[in-house]
C-alpha cells in the first residue's frame, strides 16, 4: 500500500497534467465540501470532451472510398446473381444440412 505522501505527489502531478475542466471542478468541489468522504462520479465522456465543430463532425463521419480486389468483387457479384436468380437456401434447409453434416 502506498504511503500518504506518495499519493499526494501523484495527485498533484495528475492535477497539473489535466486540462479537463469538469474533472478538476468536481475534484475541487469534493475537497471544499464539508464531508471529506464524498466521492463523485467521474464526468461522462460527453461532459468532459469539448463539442466537435461541424467540420470535425463531417471529417469524422466522412466515408472512405474502399477499393476491393477484383477477385472479391467477382465473388460479391456472383453472390448477388445467386440471390437474384433464387439460388439460395432457407434457414430451415441450412439447419437440415447442418444436422446431416454433424449427425
C-alpha atoms as a PDB file:
ATOM      1  CA  UNK A   1       0.000   0.000   0.000  1.00  0.00           C
ATOM      2  CA  UNK A   2       1.280   3.451  -0.918  1.00  0.00           C
ATOM      3  CA  UNK A   3       2.029   5.929   1.807  1.00  0.00           C
ATOM      4  CA  UNK A   4       0.106   9.182   2.045  1.00  0.00           C
ATOM      5  CA  UNK A   5       2.929  11.349   0.684  1.00  0.00           C
ATOM      6  CA  UNK A   6       3.235   9.212  -2.476  1.00  0.00           C
ATOM      7  CA  UNK A   7      -0.487   9.542  -3.042  1.00  0.00           C
ATOM      8  CA  UNK A   8      -0.324  13.330  -2.577  1.00  0.00           C
ATOM      9  CA  UNK A   9       2.540  13.634  -5.075  1.00  0.00           C
ATOM     10  CA  UNK A  10       0.710  11.528  -7.663  1.00  0.00           C
ATOM     11  CA  UNK A  11      -2.473  13.564  -7.201  1.00  0.00           C
ATOM     12  CA  UNK A  12      -0.606  16.844  -7.627  1.00  0.00           C
ATOM     13  CA  UNK A  13       1.067  15.536 -10.804  1.00  0.00           C
ATOM     14  CA  UNK A  14      -2.251  14.389 -12.270  1.00  0.00           C
ATOM     15  CA  UNK A  15      -3.917  17.695 -11.427  1.00  0.00           C
ATOM     16  CA  UNK A  16      -1.113  19.655 -13.076  1.00  0.00           C
ATOM     17  CA  UNK A  17      -1.275  17.477 -16.213  1.00  0.00           C
ATOM     18  CA  UNK A  18      -5.072  17.674 -16.583  1.00  0.00           C
ATOM     19  CA  UNK A  19      -6.895  20.141 -18.837  1.00  0.00           C
ATOM     20  CA  UNK A  20     -10.295  18.632 -18.059  1.00  0.00           C
ATOM     21  CA  UNK A  21     -12.336  21.486 -16.566  1.00  0.00           C
ATOM     22  CA  UNK A  22     -15.195  19.258 -15.397  1.00  0.00           C
ATOM     23  CA  UNK A  23     -12.920  16.784 -13.652  1.00  0.00           C
ATOM     24  CA  UNK A  24     -10.870  19.464 -11.913  1.00  0.00           C
ATOM     25  CA  UNK A  25     -14.005  21.385 -10.917  1.00  0.00           C
ATOM     26  CA  UNK A  26     -15.598  18.244  -9.432  1.00  0.00           C
ATOM     27  CA  UNK A  27     -12.354  17.431  -7.661  1.00  0.00           C
ATOM     28  CA  UNK A  28     -12.239  20.907  -6.106  1.00  0.00           C
ATOM     29  CA  UNK A  29     -15.905  20.700  -5.047  1.00  0.00           C
ATOM     30  CA  UNK A  30     -15.201  17.416  -3.260  1.00  0.00           C
ATOM     31  CA  UNK A  31     -12.329  18.973  -1.347  1.00  0.00           C
ATOM     32  CA  UNK A  32     -14.376  22.030  -0.468  1.00  0.00           C
ATOM     33  CA  UNK A  33     -17.376  20.023   0.700  1.00  0.00           C
ATOM     34  CA  UNK A  34     -17.989  19.673   4.403  1.00  0.00           C
ATOM     35  CA  UNK A  35     -17.804  15.883   4.263  1.00  0.00           C
ATOM     36  CA  UNK A  36     -14.339  14.680   3.221  1.00  0.00           C
ATOM     37  CA  UNK A  37     -15.632  11.202   2.343  1.00  0.00           C
ATOM     38  CA  UNK A  38     -17.773  12.299  -0.616  1.00  0.00           C
ATOM     39  CA  UNK A  39     -16.647  10.846  -3.909  1.00  0.00           C
ATOM     40  CA  UNK A  40     -18.475  11.920  -7.015  1.00  0.00           C
ATOM     41  CA  UNK A  41     -18.767  10.001 -10.238  1.00  0.00           C
ATOM     42  CA  UNK A  42     -16.349  10.979 -12.926  1.00  0.00           C
ATOM     43  CA  UNK A  43     -17.986  13.099 -15.604  1.00  0.00           C
ATOM     44  CA  UNK A  44     -19.292  11.276 -18.602  1.00  0.00           C
ATOM     45  CA  UNK A  45     -17.203  11.397 -21.730  1.00  0.00           C
ATOM     46  CA  UNK A  46     -19.745  13.767 -23.240  1.00  0.00           C
ATOM     47  CA  UNK A  47     -19.291  16.283 -20.426  1.00  0.00           C
ATOM     48  CA  UNK A  48     -15.516  16.017 -20.400  1.00  0.00           C
ATOM     49  CA  UNK A  49     -14.990  16.402 -24.137  1.00  0.00           C
ATOM     50  CA  UNK A  50     -15.333  19.699 -25.928  1.00  0.00           C
ATOM     51  CA  UNK A  51     -18.087  19.643 -28.553  1.00  0.00           C
ATOM     52  CA  UNK A  52     -16.946  18.943 -32.094  1.00  0.00           C
ATOM     53  CA  UNK A  53     -17.264  21.636 -34.721  1.00  0.00           C
ATOM     54  CA  UNK A  54     -19.321  20.935 -37.848  1.00  0.00           C
ATOM     55  CA  UNK A  55     -16.121  20.484 -39.834  1.00  0.00           C
ATOM     56  CA  UNK A  56     -14.787  17.971 -37.294  1.00  0.00           C
ATOM     57  CA  UNK A  57     -18.064  16.033 -37.378  1.00  0.00           C
ATOM     58  CA  UNK A  58     -18.023  15.918 -41.188  1.00  0.00           C
ATOM     59  CA  UNK A  59     -14.380  14.801 -41.221  1.00  0.00           C
ATOM     60  CA  UNK A  60     -15.038  12.147 -38.546  1.00  0.00           C
ATOM     61  CA  UNK A  61     -18.006  10.632 -40.376  1.00  0.00           C
ATOM     62  CA  UNK A  62     -16.640  11.080 -43.886  1.00  0.00           C
ATOM     63  CA  UNK A  63     -16.976   7.896 -45.875  1.00  0.00           C
ATOM     64  CA  UNK A  64     -13.750   6.500 -47.147  1.00  0.00           C
ATOM     65  CA  UNK A  65     -13.525   5.033 -50.611  1.00  0.00           C
ATOM     66  CA  UNK A  66     -12.744   1.358 -50.302  1.00  0.00           C
ATOM     67  CA  UNK A  67     -11.299  -0.362 -53.327  1.00  0.00           C
ATOM     68  CA  UNK A  68     -11.719  -4.118 -53.223  1.00  0.00           C
ATOM     69  CA  UNK A  69      -9.571  -6.508 -55.248  1.00  0.00           C
ATOM     70  CA  UNK A  70     -11.102  -7.877 -58.450  1.00  0.00           C
ATOM     71  CA  UNK A  71     -11.492 -11.398 -57.062  1.00  0.00           C
ATOM     72  CA  UNK A  72     -13.533 -10.058 -54.121  1.00  0.00           C
ATOM     73  CA  UNK A  73     -15.739  -8.006 -56.440  1.00  0.00           C
ATOM     74  CA  UNK A  74     -16.339 -11.110 -58.602  1.00  0.00           C
ATOM     75  CA  UNK A  75     -17.365 -13.120 -55.522  1.00  0.00           C
ATOM     76  CA  UNK A  76     -19.790 -10.372 -54.462  1.00  0.00           C
ATOM     77  CA  UNK A  77     -21.259 -10.151 -57.969  1.00  0.00           C
ATOM     78  CA  UNK A  78     -21.636 -13.935 -58.102  1.00  0.00           C
ATOM     79  CA  UNK A  79     -23.452 -13.888 -54.732  1.00  0.00           C
ATOM     80  CA  UNK A  80     -25.736 -11.073 -55.841  1.00  0.00           C
ATOM     81  CA  UNK A  81     -26.538 -13.015 -59.023  1.00  0.00           C
ATOM     82  CA  UNK A  82     -27.332 -16.118 -56.925  1.00  0.00           C
ATOM     83  CA  UNK A  83     -29.770 -14.113 -54.790  1.00  0.00           C
ATOM     84  CA  UNK A  84     -31.344 -12.507 -57.866  1.00  0.00           C
ATOM     85  CA  UNK A  85     -31.895 -15.910 -59.505  1.00  0.00           C
ATOM     86  CA  UNK A  86     -33.130 -17.701 -56.372  1.00  0.00           C
ATOM     87  CA  UNK A  87     -30.048 -19.860 -55.838  1.00  0.00           C
ATOM     88  CA  UNK A  88     -30.264 -19.571 -52.047  1.00  0.00           C
ATOM     89  CA  UNK A  89     -31.109 -21.811 -49.066  1.00  0.00           C
ATOM     90  CA  UNK A  90     -33.725 -21.112 -46.419  1.00  0.00           C
ATOM     91  CA  UNK A  91     -32.886 -21.170 -42.728  1.00  0.00           C
ATOM     92  CA  UNK A  92     -34.687 -24.497 -42.376  1.00  0.00           C
ATOM     93  CA  UNK A  93     -32.726 -26.023 -45.295  1.00  0.00           C
ATOM     94  CA  UNK A  94     -29.454 -24.857 -43.732  1.00  0.00           C
ATOM     95  CA  UNK A  95     -30.440 -26.321 -40.345  1.00  0.00           C
ATOM     96  CA  UNK A  96     -31.251 -29.667 -42.010  1.00  0.00           C
ATOM     97  CA  UNK A  97     -27.892 -29.682 -43.845  1.00  0.00           C
ATOM     98  CA  UNK A  98     -26.118 -28.884 -40.547  1.00  0.00           C
ATOM     99  CA  UNK A  99     -27.862 -31.779 -38.817  1.00  0.00           C
ATOM    100  CA  UNK A 100     -26.907 -34.182 -41.631  1.00  0.00           C
ATOM    101  CA  UNK A 101     -23.333 -32.949 -41.654  1.00  0.00           C
ATOM    102  CA  UNK A 102     -22.945 -33.145 -37.855  1.00  0.00           C
ATOM    103  CA  UNK A 103     -25.023 -36.336 -37.487  1.00  0.00           C
END
